[in-house]
Amino acid sequence: MTYSVRILLGSIRQLHALHCRVAIEQQDWKTLAELMNNNFDLRRKIYGDKALGSRNLEMIEIARRHGSVVKFCGSGGAVVGLCLDGVGQIKMKEEFREKGFVFCDVVPVDGNIQKLKEEEEEE
C-alpha cells in the first residue's frame, strides 16, 4: 500500500469516527447503524474476503442475519454490534454460542456520569 493511499485511508477513518461520535451524541441510532455497516463493507472491498478470514466473516453474517449491524473492533477476531431488537438479539446470541463464539452484552455508559460516580465513591 502506497504512502498516499495510507494517508487517504487514515483520513477516511478519522472522518468516519467523527460522524459516529456525532451520531452517538445525538442518539441517532439509524445513522450509527448505517455508518457501522458502511465501515465493514468498505473494509471488505479494500481487503477482500481472504484477508478478512472466513471465521470473522461468519460473525458478521450471523449478526446481520438477525438484524444487527456489526463491524470489527480492530483487525478482526471480535466484532461489536448494535441490535435494537431484543428478540433478535436473543436468537443471535444463541447462534453465536452454537457456532463456538463468545457473546458479551455491552451496555454503553456516559463517561461523564461514570466519572461523577467514581468521584463520589472516592469521597
PDB file of N, CA and C in Angstrom:
ATOM      1  N   MET A   1       0.850  -1.164   0.000  1.00  0.00           N
ATOM      2  CA  MET A   1       0.000   0.000   0.000  1.00  0.00           C
ATOM      3  C   MET A   1       0.902   1.235   0.000  1.00  0.00           C
ATOM      4  N   THR A   2       0.643   2.141  -0.912  1.00  0.00           N
ATOM      5  CA  THR A   2       1.481   3.328  -1.023  1.00  0.00           C
ATOM      6  C   THR A   2       1.213   4.299   0.125  1.00  0.00           C
ATOM      7  N   TYR A   3       2.146   5.199   0.308  1.00  0.00           N
ATOM      8  CA  TYR A   3       2.025   6.197   1.369  1.00  0.00           C
ATOM      9  C   TYR A   3       0.762   7.036   1.192  1.00  0.00           C
ATOM     10  N   SER A   4       0.483   7.474  -0.027  1.00  0.00           N
ATOM     11  CA  SER A   4      -0.685   8.325  -0.263  1.00  0.00           C
ATOM     12  C   SER A   4      -1.992   7.575   0.007  1.00  0.00           C
ATOM     13  N   VAL A   5      -2.023   6.294  -0.301  1.00  0.00           N
ATOM     14  CA  VAL A   5      -3.213   5.501  -0.017  1.00  0.00           C
ATOM     15  C   VAL A   5      -3.392   5.361   1.494  1.00  0.00           C
ATOM     16  N   ARG A   6      -2.302   5.155   2.228  1.00  0.00           N
ATOM     17  CA  ARG A   6      -2.391   5.060   3.691  1.00  0.00           C
ATOM     18  C   ARG A   6      -2.890   6.364   4.301  1.00  0.00           C
ATOM     19  N   ILE A   7      -2.426   7.490   3.776  1.00  0.00           N
ATOM     20  CA  ILE A   7      -2.885   8.800   4.261  1.00  0.00           C
ATOM     21  C   ILE A   7      -4.375   8.965   3.987  1.00  0.00           C
ATOM     22  N   LEU A   8      -4.796   8.594   2.780  1.00  0.00           N
ATOM     23  CA  LEU A   8      -6.203   8.699   2.408  1.00  0.00           C
ATOM     24  C   LEU A   8      -7.069   7.830   3.325  1.00  0.00           C
ATOM     25  N   LEU A   9      -6.663   6.596   3.541  1.00  0.00           N
ATOM     26  CA  LEU A   9      -7.439   5.696   4.406  1.00  0.00           C
ATOM     27  C   LEU A   9      -7.478   6.203   5.842  1.00  0.00           C
ATOM     28  N   GLY A  10      -6.375   6.746   6.316  1.00  0.00           N
ATOM     29  CA  GLY A  10      -6.347   7.322   7.662  1.00  0.00           C
ATOM     30  C   GLY A  10      -7.311   8.488   7.793  1.00  0.00           C
ATOM     31  N   SER A  11      -7.373   9.308   6.772  1.00  0.00           N
ATOM     32  CA  SER A  11      -8.290  10.451   6.782  1.00  0.00           C
ATOM     33  C   SER A  11      -9.741   9.984   6.765  1.00  0.00           C
ATOM     34  N   ILE A  12     -10.026   8.963   5.975  1.00  0.00           N
ATOM     35  CA  ILE A  12     -11.382   8.414   5.925  1.00  0.00           C
ATOM     36  C   ILE A  12     -11.768   7.873   7.296  1.00  0.00           C
ATOM     37  N   ARG A  13     -10.846   7.171   7.969  1.00  0.00           N
ATOM     38  CA  ARG A  13     -11.130   6.631   9.300  1.00  0.00           C
ATOM     39  C   ARG A  13     -11.440   7.742  10.299  1.00  0.00           C
ATOM     40  N   GLN A  14     -10.663   8.827  10.243  1.00  0.00           N
ATOM     41  CA  GLN A  14     -10.899   9.942  11.163  1.00  0.00           C
ATOM     42  C   GLN A  14     -12.252  10.594  10.918  1.00  0.00           C
ATOM     43  N   LEU A  15     -12.599  10.789   9.666  1.00  0.00           N
ATOM     44  CA  LEU A  15     -13.877  11.383   9.323  1.00  0.00           C
ATOM     45  C   LEU A  15     -15.020  10.470   9.761  1.00  0.00           C
ATOM     46  N   HIS A  16     -14.859   9.178   9.535  1.00  0.00           N
ATOM     47  CA  HIS A  16     -15.868   8.198   9.935  1.00  0.00           C
ATOM     48  C   HIS A  16     -16.064   8.221  11.444  1.00  0.00           C
ATOM     49  N   ALA A  17     -14.964   8.268  12.194  1.00  0.00           N
ATOM     50  CA  ALA A  17     -15.044   8.286  13.658  1.00  0.00           C
ATOM     51  C   ALA A  17     -15.792   9.528  14.141  1.00  0.00           C
ATOM     52  N   LEU A  18     -15.553  10.660  13.491  1.00  0.00           N
ATOM     53  CA  LEU A  18     -16.247  11.891  13.854  1.00  0.00           C
ATOM     54  C   LEU A  18     -17.752  11.766  13.615  1.00  0.00           C
ATOM     55  N   HIS A  19     -18.129  11.231  12.468  1.00  0.00           N
ATOM     56  CA  HIS A  19     -19.552  11.033  12.165  1.00  0.00           C
ATOM     57  C   HIS A  19     -20.197  10.080  13.177  1.00  0.00           C
ATOM     58  N   CYS A  20     -19.481   9.013  13.552  1.00  0.00           N
ATOM     59  CA  CYS A  20     -20.010   8.066  14.536  1.00  0.00           C
ATOM     60  C   CYS A  20     -20.207   8.753  15.889  1.00  0.00           C
ATOM     61  N   ARG A  21     -19.245   9.546  16.278  1.00  0.00           N
ATOM     62  CA  ARG A  21     -19.344  10.242  17.566  1.00  0.00           C
ATOM     63  C   ARG A  21     -20.562  11.160  17.601  1.00  0.00           C
ATOM     64  N   VAL A  22     -20.769  11.906  16.526  1.00  0.00           N
ATOM     65  CA  VAL A  22     -21.920  12.806  16.447  1.00  0.00           C
ATOM     66  C   VAL A  22     -23.216  12.003  16.528  1.00  0.00           C
ATOM     67  N   ALA A  23     -23.284  10.883  15.807  1.00  0.00           N
ATOM     68  CA  ALA A  23     -24.489  10.049  15.832  1.00  0.00           C
ATOM     69  C   ALA A  23     -24.761   9.531  17.238  1.00  0.00           C
ATOM     70  N   ILE A  24     -23.725   9.118  17.945  1.00  0.00           N
ATOM     71  CA  ILE A  24     -23.894   8.618  19.314  1.00  0.00           C
ATOM     72  C   ILE A  24     -24.356   9.746  20.234  1.00  0.00           C
ATOM     73  N   GLU A  25     -23.710  10.902  20.142  1.00  0.00           N
ATOM     74  CA  GLU A  25     -24.089  12.031  20.993  1.00  0.00           C
ATOM     75  C   GLU A  25     -25.532  12.458  20.757  1.00  0.00           C
ATOM     76  N   GLN A  26     -26.001  12.340  19.515  1.00  0.00           N
ATOM     77  CA  GLN A  26     -27.375  12.729  19.183  1.00  0.00           C
ATOM     78  C   GLN A  26     -28.349  11.559  19.324  1.00  0.00           C
ATOM     79  N   GLN A  27     -27.837  10.421  19.747  1.00  0.00           N
ATOM     80  CA  GLN A  27     -28.621   9.187  19.872  1.00  0.00           C
ATOM     81  C   GLN A  27     -29.366   8.870  18.573  1.00  0.00           C
ATOM     82  N   ASP A  28     -28.667   9.080  17.473  1.00  0.00           N
ATOM     83  CA  ASP A  28     -29.206   8.803  16.134  1.00  0.00           C
ATOM     84  C   ASP A  28     -28.747   7.399  15.734  1.00  0.00           C
ATOM     85  N   TRP A  29     -29.458   6.394  16.235  1.00  0.00           N
ATOM     86  CA  TRP A  29     -29.037   5.002  16.069  1.00  0.00           C
ATOM     87  C   TRP A  29     -29.127   4.543  14.619  1.00  0.00           C
ATOM     88  N   LYS A  30     -30.056   5.090  13.861  1.00  0.00           N
ATOM     89  CA  LYS A  30     -30.177   4.725  12.445  1.00  0.00           C
ATOM     90  C   LYS A  30     -28.915   5.142  11.679  1.00  0.00           C
ATOM     91  N   THR A  31     -28.468   6.362  11.912  1.00  0.00           N
ATOM     92  CA  THR A  31     -27.246   6.831  11.249  1.00  0.00           C
ATOM     93  C   THR A  31     -26.039   6.035  11.718  1.00  0.00           C
ATOM     94  N   LEU A  32     -25.955   5.769  13.018  1.00  0.00           N
ATOM     95  CA  LEU A  32     -24.840   4.976  13.534  1.00  0.00           C
ATOM     96  C   LEU A  32     -24.831   3.598  12.885  1.00  0.00           C
ATOM     97  N   ALA A  33     -26.002   2.991  12.749  1.00  0.00           N
ATOM     98  CA  ALA A  33     -26.097   1.664  12.118  1.00  0.00           C
ATOM     99  C   ALA A  33     -25.601   1.720  10.674  1.00  0.00           C
ATOM    100  N   GLU A  34     -26.006   2.740   9.936  1.00  0.00           N
ATOM    101  CA  GLU A  34     -25.555   2.880   8.547  1.00  0.00           C
ATOM    102  C   GLU A  34     -24.045   3.061   8.473  1.00  0.00           C
ATOM    103  N   LEU A  35     -23.495   3.867   9.377  1.00  0.00           N
ATOM    104  CA  LEU A  35     -22.046   4.096   9.395  1.00  0.00           C
ATOM    105  C   LEU A  35     -21.289   2.809   9.716  1.00  0.00           C
ATOM    106  N   MET A  36     -21.804   2.033  10.668  1.00  0.00           N
ATOM    107  CA  MET A  36     -21.145   0.775  11.029  1.00  0.00           C
ATOM    108  C   MET A  36     -21.173  -0.205   9.865  1.00  0.00           C
ATOM    109  N   ASN A  37     -22.319  -0.334   9.210  1.00  0.00           N
ATOM    110  CA  ASN A  37     -22.405  -1.231   8.053  1.00  0.00           C
ATOM    111  C   ASN A  37     -21.491  -0.757   6.930  1.00  0.00           C
ATOM    112  N   ASN A  38     -21.495   0.537   6.658  1.00  0.00           N
ATOM    113  CA  ASN A  38     -20.633   1.076   5.600  1.00  0.00           C
ATOM    114  C   ASN A  38     -19.164   0.833   5.914  1.00  0.00           C
ATOM    115  N   ASN A  39     -18.791   0.970   7.186  1.00  0.00           N
ATOM    116  CA  ASN A  39     -17.409   0.752   7.597  1.00  0.00           C
ATOM    117  C   ASN A  39     -16.966  -0.663   7.272  1.00  0.00           C
ATOM    118  N   PHE A  40     -17.796  -1.633   7.638  1.00  0.00           N
ATOM    119  CA  PHE A  40     -17.410  -3.013   7.356  1.00  0.00           C
ATOM    120  C   PHE A  40     -17.399  -3.289   5.855  1.00  0.00           C
ATOM    121  N   ASP A  41     -18.425  -2.832   5.143  1.00  0.00           N
ATOM    122  CA  ASP A  41     -18.496  -3.087   3.700  1.00  0.00           C
ATOM    123  C   ASP A  41     -17.301  -2.497   2.969  1.00  0.00           C
ATOM    124  N   LEU A  42     -16.856  -1.306   3.377  1.00  0.00           N
ATOM    125  CA  LEU A  42     -15.678  -0.690   2.758  1.00  0.00           C
ATOM    126  C   LEU A  42     -14.427  -1.508   3.070  1.00  0.00           C
ATOM    127  N   ARG A  43     -14.294  -1.930   4.308  1.00  0.00           N
ATOM    128  CA  ARG A  43     -13.140  -2.750   4.696  1.00  0.00           C
ATOM    129  C   ARG A  43     -13.102  -4.035   3.867  1.00  0.00           C
ATOM    130  N   ARG A  44     -14.251  -4.638   3.666  1.00  0.00           N
ATOM    131  CA  ARG A  44     -14.326  -5.883   2.897  1.00  0.00           C
ATOM    132  C   ARG A  44     -13.903  -5.650   1.449  1.00  0.00           C
ATOM    133  N   LYS A  45     -14.333  -4.530   0.855  1.00  0.00           N
ATOM    134  CA  LYS A  45     -13.941  -4.205  -0.527  1.00  0.00           C
ATOM    135  C   LYS A  45     -12.444  -3.959  -0.638  1.00  0.00           C
ATOM    136  N   ILE A  46     -11.888  -3.283   0.342  1.00  0.00           N
ATOM    137  CA  ILE A  46     -10.455  -2.942   0.297  1.00  0.00           C
ATOM    138  C   ILE A  46      -9.582  -4.188   0.475  1.00  0.00           C
ATOM    139  N   TYR A  47      -9.885  -5.000   1.485  1.00  0.00           N
ATOM    140  CA  TYR A  47      -9.004  -6.115   1.836  1.00  0.00           C
ATOM    141  C   TYR A  47      -9.406  -7.455   1.233  1.00  0.00           C
ATOM    142  N   GLY A  48     -10.683  -7.643   0.941  1.00  0.00           N
ATOM    143  CA  GLY A  48     -11.141  -8.907   0.362  1.00  0.00           C
ATOM    144  C   GLY A  48     -11.427  -9.955   1.417  1.00  0.00           C
ATOM    145  N   ASP A  49     -12.248 -10.924   1.040  1.00  0.00           N
ATOM    146  CA  ASP A  49     -12.677 -11.966   1.975  1.00  0.00           C
ATOM    147  C   ASP A  49     -11.531 -12.826   2.491  1.00  0.00           C
ATOM    148  N   LYS A  50     -10.560 -13.110   1.641  1.00  0.00           N
ATOM    149  CA  LYS A  50      -9.452 -13.968   2.061  1.00  0.00           C
ATOM    150  C   LYS A  50      -8.672 -13.330   3.216  1.00  0.00           C
ATOM    151  N   ALA A  51      -8.409 -12.035   3.094  1.00  0.00           N
ATOM    152  CA  ALA A  51      -7.661 -11.339   4.144  1.00  0.00           C
ATOM    153  C   ALA A  51      -8.469 -11.228   5.436  1.00  0.00           C
ATOM    154  N   LEU A  52      -9.786 -11.084   5.307  1.00  0.00           N
ATOM    155  CA  LEU A  52     -10.621 -10.939   6.500  1.00  0.00           C
ATOM    156  C   LEU A  52     -10.811 -12.263   7.227  1.00  0.00           C
ATOM    157  N   GLY A  53     -10.843 -13.344   6.493  1.00  0.00           N
ATOM    158  CA  GLY A  53     -10.950 -14.659   7.109  1.00  0.00           C
ATOM    159  C   GLY A  53     -12.379 -15.143   7.235  1.00  0.00           C
ATOM    160  N   SER A  54     -12.572 -16.412   6.941  1.00  0.00           N
ATOM    161  CA  SER A  54     -13.922 -16.974   6.920  1.00  0.00           C
ATOM    162  C   SER A  54     -14.592 -16.947   8.292  1.00  0.00           C
ATOM    163  N   ARG A  55     -13.839 -17.169   9.355  1.00  0.00           N
ATOM    164  CA  ARG A  55     -14.422 -17.176  10.701  1.00  0.00           C
ATOM    165  C   ARG A  55     -14.886 -15.774  11.095  1.00  0.00           C
ATOM    166  N   ASN A  56     -14.108 -14.765  10.747  1.00  0.00           N
ATOM    167  CA  ASN A  56     -14.506 -13.380  11.012  1.00  0.00           C
ATOM    168  C   ASN A  56     -15.751 -13.020  10.208  1.00  0.00           C
ATOM    169  N   LEU A  57     -15.783 -13.421   8.959  1.00  0.00           N
ATOM    170  CA  LEU A  57     -16.948 -13.143   8.115  1.00  0.00           C
ATOM    171  C   LEU A  57     -18.187 -13.857   8.638  1.00  0.00           C
ATOM    172  N   GLU A  58     -18.001 -15.023   9.230  1.00  0.00           N
ATOM    173  CA  GLU A  58     -19.136 -15.765   9.786  1.00  0.00           C
ATOM    174  C   GLU A  58     -19.801 -14.964  10.912  1.00  0.00           C
ATOM    175  N   MET A  59     -19.000 -14.292  11.732  1.00  0.00           N
ATOM    176  CA  MET A  59     -19.573 -13.471  12.801  1.00  0.00           C
ATOM    177  C   MET A  59     -20.433 -12.347  12.220  1.00  0.00           C
ATOM    178  N   ILE A  60     -19.947 -11.719  11.167  1.00  0.00           N
ATOM    179  CA  ILE A  60     -20.685 -10.633  10.523  1.00  0.00           C
ATOM    180  C   ILE A  60     -22.000 -11.168   9.963  1.00  0.00           C
ATOM    181  N   GLU A  61     -21.926 -12.297   9.281  1.00  0.00           N
ATOM    182  CA  GLU A  61     -23.121 -12.879   8.651  1.00  0.00           C
ATOM    183  C   GLU A  61     -24.173 -13.285   9.684  1.00  0.00           C
ATOM    184  N   ILE A  62     -23.744 -13.850  10.803  1.00  0.00           N
ATOM    185  CA  ILE A  62     -24.689 -14.227  11.853  1.00  0.00           C
ATOM    186  C   ILE A  62     -25.418 -12.992  12.371  1.00  0.00           C
ATOM    187  N   ALA A  63     -24.662 -11.975  12.695  1.00  0.00           N
ATOM    188  CA  ALA A  63     -25.267 -10.752  13.242  1.00  0.00           C
ATOM    189  C   ALA A  63     -26.232 -10.115  12.257  1.00  0.00           C
ATOM    190  N   ARG A  64     -25.821  -9.989  11.016  1.00  0.00           N
ATOM    191  CA  ARG A  64     -26.684  -9.365  10.014  1.00  0.00           C
ATOM    192  C   ARG A  64     -27.936 -10.196   9.755  1.00  0.00           C
ATOM    193  N   ARG A  65     -27.800 -11.497   9.816  1.00  0.00           N
ATOM    194  CA  ARG A  65     -28.951 -12.374   9.611  1.00  0.00           C
ATOM    195  C   ARG A  65     -30.033 -12.121  10.670  1.00  0.00           C
ATOM    196  N   HIS A  66     -29.612 -11.672  11.844  1.00  0.00           N
ATOM    197  CA  HIS A  66     -30.543 -11.416  12.940  1.00  0.00           C
ATOM    198  C   HIS A  66     -30.872  -9.930  13.085  1.00  0.00           C
ATOM    199  N   GLY A  67     -30.591  -9.156  12.050  1.00  0.00           N
ATOM    200  CA  GLY A  67     -30.978  -7.755  12.039  1.00  0.00           C
ATOM    201  C   GLY A  67     -30.077  -6.818  12.818  1.00  0.00           C
ATOM    202  N   SER A  68     -28.885  -7.269  13.140  1.00  0.00           N
ATOM    203  CA  SER A  68     -27.948  -6.433  13.873  1.00  0.00           C
ATOM    204  C   SER A  68     -26.937  -5.826  12.904  1.00  0.00           C
ATOM    205  N   VAL A  69     -26.488  -4.642  13.221  1.00  0.00           N
ATOM    206  CA  VAL A  69     -25.374  -4.060  12.473  1.00  0.00           C
ATOM    207  C   VAL A  69     -24.113  -4.391  13.245  1.00  0.00           C
ATOM    208  N   VAL A  70     -23.045  -4.612  12.529  1.00  0.00           N
ATOM    209  CA  VAL A  70     -21.847  -5.107  13.193  1.00  0.00           C
ATOM    210  C   VAL A  70     -20.612  -4.740  12.385  1.00  0.00           C
ATOM    211  N   LYS A  71     -19.501  -4.575  13.087  1.00  0.00           N
ATOM    212  CA  LYS A  71     -18.212  -4.297  12.449  1.00  0.00           C
ATOM    213  C   LYS A  71     -17.105  -4.854  13.324  1.00  0.00           C
ATOM    214  N   PHE A  72     -15.919  -4.961  12.757  1.00  0.00           N
ATOM    215  CA  PHE A  72     -14.781  -5.430  13.536  1.00  0.00           C
ATOM    216  C   PHE A  72     -14.398  -4.376  14.572  1.00  0.00           C
ATOM    217  N   CYS A  73     -13.928  -4.829  15.716  1.00  0.00           N
ATOM    218  CA  CYS A  73     -13.448  -3.912  16.758  1.00  0.00           C
ATOM    219  C   CYS A  73     -12.065  -3.381  16.423  1.00  0.00           C
ATOM    220  N   GLY A  74     -11.352  -4.093  15.630  1.00  0.00           N
ATOM    221  CA  GLY A  74      -9.985  -3.726  15.270  1.00  0.00           C
ATOM    222  C   GLY A  74      -9.614  -4.487  14.028  1.00  0.00           C
ATOM    223  N   SER A  75      -8.607  -5.322  14.146  1.00  0.00           N
ATOM    224  CA  SER A  75      -8.125  -6.042  12.972  1.00  0.00           C
ATOM    225  C   SER A  75      -8.819  -7.377  12.762  1.00  0.00           C
ATOM    226  N   GLY A  76      -9.805  -7.692  13.560  1.00  0.00           N
ATOM    227  CA  GLY A  76     -10.519  -8.952  13.409  1.00  0.00           C
ATOM    228  C   GLY A  76     -10.429  -9.794  14.659  1.00  0.00           C
ATOM    229  N   GLY A  77     -11.194 -10.864  14.683  1.00  0.00           N
ATOM    230  CA  GLY A  77     -11.204 -11.741  15.845  1.00  0.00           C
ATOM    231  C   GLY A  77     -12.329 -11.424  16.811  1.00  0.00           C
ATOM    232  N   ALA A  78     -12.883 -10.232  16.669  1.00  0.00           N
ATOM    233  CA  ALA A  78     -14.016  -9.819  17.504  1.00  0.00           C
ATOM    234  C   ALA A  78     -14.832  -8.797  16.722  1.00  0.00           C
ATOM    235  N   VAL A  79     -16.101  -8.734  17.048  1.00  0.00           N
ATOM    236  CA  VAL A  79     -16.973  -7.743  16.421  1.00  0.00           C
ATOM    237  C   VAL A  79     -17.740  -7.010  17.505  1.00  0.00           C
ATOM    238  N   VAL A  80     -18.211  -5.834  17.165  1.00  0.00           N
ATOM    239  CA  VAL A  80     -19.101  -5.084  18.036  1.00  0.00           C
ATOM    240  C   VAL A  80     -20.338  -4.771  17.206  1.00  0.00           C
ATOM    241  N   GLY A  81     -21.484  -4.903  17.835  1.00  0.00           N
ATOM    242  CA  GLY A  81     -22.715  -4.714  17.082  1.00  0.00           C
ATOM    243  C   GLY A  81     -23.716  -3.849  17.811  1.00  0.00           C
ATOM    244  N   LEU A  82     -24.720  -3.476  17.058  1.00  0.00           N
ATOM    245  CA  LEU A  82     -25.824  -2.688  17.580  1.00  0.00           C
ATOM    246  C   LEU A  82     -27.098  -3.413  17.198  1.00  0.00           C
ATOM    247  N   CYS A  83     -27.813  -3.884  18.204  1.00  0.00           N
ATOM    248  CA  CYS A  83     -29.043  -4.640  17.959  1.00  0.00           C
ATOM    249  C   CYS A  83     -30.164  -3.973  18.742  1.00  0.00           C
ATOM    250  N   LEU A  84     -31.145  -3.452  18.023  1.00  0.00           N
ATOM    251  CA  LEU A  84     -32.251  -2.757  18.661  1.00  0.00           C
ATOM    252  C   LEU A  84     -33.463  -3.664  18.849  1.00  0.00           C
ATOM    253  N   ASP A  85     -33.349  -4.908  18.424  1.00  0.00           N
ATOM    254  CA  ASP A  85     -34.441  -5.874  18.506  1.00  0.00           C
ATOM    255  C   ASP A  85     -34.095  -6.911  19.571  1.00  0.00           C
ATOM    256  N   GLY A  86     -34.773  -6.838  20.723  1.00  0.00           N
ATOM    257  CA  GLY A  86     -34.469  -7.746  21.824  1.00  0.00           C
ATOM    258  C   GLY A  86     -34.622  -9.211  21.481  1.00  0.00           C
ATOM    259  N   VAL A  87     -35.685  -9.557  20.752  1.00  0.00           N
ATOM    260  CA  VAL A  87     -35.902 -10.953  20.355  1.00  0.00           C
ATOM    261  C   VAL A  87     -34.801 -11.391  19.394  1.00  0.00           C
ATOM    262  N   GLY A  88     -34.468 -10.536  18.445  1.00  0.00           N
ATOM    263  CA  GLY A  88     -33.390 -10.841  17.503  1.00  0.00           C
ATOM    264  C   GLY A  88     -32.065 -11.033  18.210  1.00  0.00           C
ATOM    265  N   GLN A  89     -31.840 -10.237  19.245  1.00  0.00           N
ATOM    266  CA  GLN A  89     -30.591 -10.343  19.992  1.00  0.00           C
ATOM    267  C   GLN A  89     -30.496 -11.688  20.707  1.00  0.00           C
ATOM    268  N   ILE A  90     -31.582 -12.143  21.274  1.00  0.00           N
ATOM    269  CA  ILE A  90     -31.577 -13.440  21.967  1.00  0.00           C
ATOM    270  C   ILE A  90     -31.252 -14.559  20.983  1.00  0.00           C
ATOM    271  N   LYS A  91     -31.898 -14.549  19.823  1.00  0.00           N
ATOM    272  CA  LYS A  91     -31.641 -15.579  18.811  1.00  0.00           C
ATOM    273  C   LYS A  91     -30.216 -15.484  18.282  1.00  0.00           C
ATOM    274  N   MET A  92     -29.735 -14.247  18.104  1.00  0.00           N
ATOM    275  CA  MET A  92     -28.373 -14.048  17.623  1.00  0.00           C
ATOM    276  C   MET A  92     -27.370 -14.597  18.641  1.00  0.00           C
ATOM    277  N   LYS A  93     -27.591 -14.297  19.907  1.00  0.00           N
ATOM    278  CA  LYS A  93     -26.700 -14.779  20.966  1.00  0.00           C
ATOM    279  C   LYS A  93     -26.641 -16.305  20.948  1.00  0.00           C
ATOM    280  N   GLU A  94     -27.796 -16.946  20.794  1.00  0.00           N
ATOM    281  CA  GLU A  94     -27.846 -18.411  20.751  1.00  0.00           C
ATOM    282  C   GLU A  94     -27.030 -18.939  19.577  1.00  0.00           C
ATOM    283  N   GLU A  95     -27.193 -18.326  18.393  1.00  0.00           N
ATOM    284  CA  GLU A  95     -26.459 -18.818  17.229  1.00  0.00           C
ATOM    285  C   GLU A  95     -24.956 -18.593  17.373  1.00  0.00           C
ATOM    286  N   PHE A  96     -24.563 -17.439  17.909  1.00  0.00           N
ATOM    287  CA  PHE A  96     -23.134 -17.208  18.137  1.00  0.00           C
ATOM    288  C   PHE A  96     -22.553 -18.304  19.024  1.00  0.00           C
ATOM    289  N   ARG A  97     -23.231 -18.618  20.102  1.00  0.00           N
ATOM    290  CA  ARG A  97     -22.736 -19.630  21.032  1.00  0.00           C
ATOM    291  C   ARG A  97     -22.734 -21.021  20.408  1.00  0.00           C
ATOM    292  N   GLU A  98     -23.769 -21.331  19.608  1.00  0.00           N
ATOM    293  CA  GLU A  98     -23.815 -22.631  18.916  1.00  0.00           C
ATOM    294  C   GLU A  98     -22.631 -22.797  17.971  1.00  0.00           C
ATOM    295  N   LYS A  99     -22.168 -21.696  17.384  1.00  0.00           N
ATOM    296  CA  LYS A  99     -21.049 -21.733  16.437  1.00  0.00           C
ATOM    297  C   LYS A  99     -19.698 -21.622  17.142  1.00  0.00           C
ATOM    298  N   GLY A 100     -19.706 -21.567  18.470  1.00  0.00           N
ATOM    299  CA  GLY A 100     -18.458 -21.546  19.228  1.00  0.00           C
ATOM    300  C   GLY A 100     -17.890 -20.167  19.507  1.00  0.00           C
ATOM    301  N   PHE A 101     -18.688 -19.128  19.306  1.00  0.00           N
ATOM    302  CA  PHE A 101     -18.238 -17.770  19.601  1.00  0.00           C
ATOM    303  C   PHE A 101     -18.663 -17.368  21.007  1.00  0.00           C
ATOM    304  N   VAL A 102     -17.939 -16.462  21.605  1.00  0.00           N
ATOM    305  CA  VAL A 102     -18.310 -15.888  22.900  1.00  0.00           C
ATOM    306  C   VAL A 102     -19.133 -14.640  22.611  1.00  0.00           C
ATOM    307  N   PHE A 103     -20.231 -14.472  23.325  1.00  0.00           N
ATOM    308  CA  PHE A 103     -21.109 -13.320  23.136  1.00  0.00           C
ATOM    309  C   PHE A 103     -21.169 -12.555  24.449  1.00  0.00           C
ATOM    310  N   CYS A 104     -20.865 -11.281  24.409  1.00  0.00           N
ATOM    311  CA  CYS A 104     -20.916 -10.434  25.609  1.00  0.00           C
ATOM    312  C   CYS A 104     -21.872  -9.283  25.361  1.00  0.00           C
ATOM    313  N   ASP A 105     -22.783  -9.055  26.284  1.00  0.00           N
ATOM    314  CA  ASP A 105     -23.641  -7.880  26.212  1.00  0.00           C
ATOM    315  C   ASP A 105     -22.815  -6.680  26.657  1.00  0.00           C
ATOM    316  N   VAL A 106     -22.853  -5.636  25.886  1.00  0.00           N
ATOM    317  CA  VAL A 106     -22.128  -4.413  26.214  1.00  0.00           C
ATOM    318  C   VAL A 106     -23.159  -3.315  26.416  1.00  0.00           C
ATOM    319  N   VAL A 107     -23.089  -2.672  27.563  1.00  0.00           N
ATOM    320  CA  VAL A 107     -24.008  -1.584  27.861  1.00  0.00           C
ATOM    321  C   VAL A 107     -23.195  -0.296  27.935  1.00  0.00           C
ATOM    322  N   PRO A 108     -23.416   0.621  26.977  1.00  0.00           N
ATOM    323  CA  PRO A 108     -22.648   1.873  26.984  1.00  0.00           C
ATOM    324  C   PRO A 108     -22.992   2.719  28.212  1.00  0.00           C
ATOM    325  N   VAL A 109     -21.995   3.404  28.711  1.00  0.00           N
ATOM    326  CA  VAL A 109     -22.169   4.286  29.858  1.00  0.00           C
ATOM    327  C   VAL A 109     -21.628   5.657  29.479  1.00  0.00           C
ATOM    328  N   ASP A 110     -22.380   6.678  29.793  1.00  0.00           N
ATOM    329  CA  ASP A 110     -21.929   8.044  29.565  1.00  0.00           C
ATOM    330  C   ASP A 110     -20.695   8.272  30.427  1.00  0.00           C
ATOM    331  N   GLY A 111     -19.588   8.629  29.803  1.00  0.00           N
ATOM    332  CA  GLY A 111     -18.328   8.816  30.519  1.00  0.00           C
ATOM    333  C   GLY A 111     -18.408   9.852  31.613  1.00  0.00           C
ATOM    334  N   ASN A 112     -19.176  10.898  31.411  1.00  0.00           N
ATOM    335  CA  ASN A 112     -19.305  11.939  32.428  1.00  0.00           C
ATOM    336  C   ASN A 112     -20.022  11.417  33.657  1.00  0.00           C
ATOM    337  N   ILE A 113     -21.059  10.618  33.452  1.00  0.00           N
ATOM    338  CA  ILE A 113     -21.791  10.035  34.579  1.00  0.00           C
ATOM    339  C   ILE A 113     -20.876   9.092  35.349  1.00  0.00           C
ATOM    340  N   GLN A 114     -20.132   8.264  34.613  1.00  0.00           N
ATOM    341  CA  GLN A 114     -19.225   7.320  35.257  1.00  0.00           C
ATOM    342  C   GLN A 114     -18.174   8.061  36.073  1.00  0.00           C
ATOM    343  N   LYS A 115     -17.636   9.146  35.528  1.00  0.00           N
ATOM    344  CA  LYS A 115     -16.615   9.924  36.238  1.00  0.00           C
ATOM    345  C   LYS A 115     -17.191  10.498  37.527  1.00  0.00           C
ATOM    346  N   LEU A 116     -18.425  10.998  37.508  1.00  0.00           N
ATOM    347  CA  LEU A 116     -19.065  11.533  38.706  1.00  0.00           C
ATOM    348  C   LEU A 116     -19.238  10.453  39.762  1.00  0.00           C
ATOM    349  N   LYS A 117     -19.666   9.248  39.339  1.00  0.00           N
ATOM    350  CA  LYS A 117     -19.848   8.149  40.279  1.00  0.00           C
ATOM    351  C   LYS A 117     -18.525   7.787  40.944  1.00  0.00           C
ATOM    352  N   GLU A 118     -17.448   7.757  40.150  1.00  0.00           N
ATOM    353  CA  GLU A 118     -16.133   7.410  40.693  1.00  0.00           C
ATOM    354  C   GLU A 118     -15.686   8.461  41.700  1.00  0.00           C
ATOM    355  N   GLU A 119     -15.937   9.731  41.410  1.00  0.00           N
ATOM    356  CA  GLU A 119     -15.558  10.806  42.329  1.00  0.00           C
ATOM    357  C   GLU A 119     -16.351  10.699  43.626  1.00  0.00           C
ATOM    358  N   GLU A 120     -17.644  10.344  43.535  1.00  0.00           N
ATOM    359  CA  GLU A 120     -18.460  10.177  44.728  1.00  0.00           C
ATOM    360  C   GLU A 120     -17.945   9.039  45.597  1.00  0.00           C
ATOM    361  N   GLU A 121     -17.507   7.946  44.972  1.00  0.00           N
ATOM    362  CA  GLU A 121     -17.014   6.788  45.711  1.00  0.00           C
ATOM    363  C   GLU A 121     -15.709   7.112  46.440  1.00  0.00           C
ATOM    364  N   GLU A 122     -14.905   8.002  45.849  1.00  0.00           N
ATOM    365  CA  GLU A 122     -13.624   8.371  46.460  1.00  0.00           C
ATOM    366  C   GLU A 122     -13.824   9.211  47.711  1.00  0.00           C
ATOM    367  N   GLU A 123     -14.944   9.936  47.811  1.00  0.00           N
ATOM    368  CA  GLU A 123     -15.182  10.839  48.944  1.00  0.00           C
ATOM    369  C   GLU A 123     -15.551  10.127  50.176  1.00  0.00           C
TER     370      GLU A 123
END
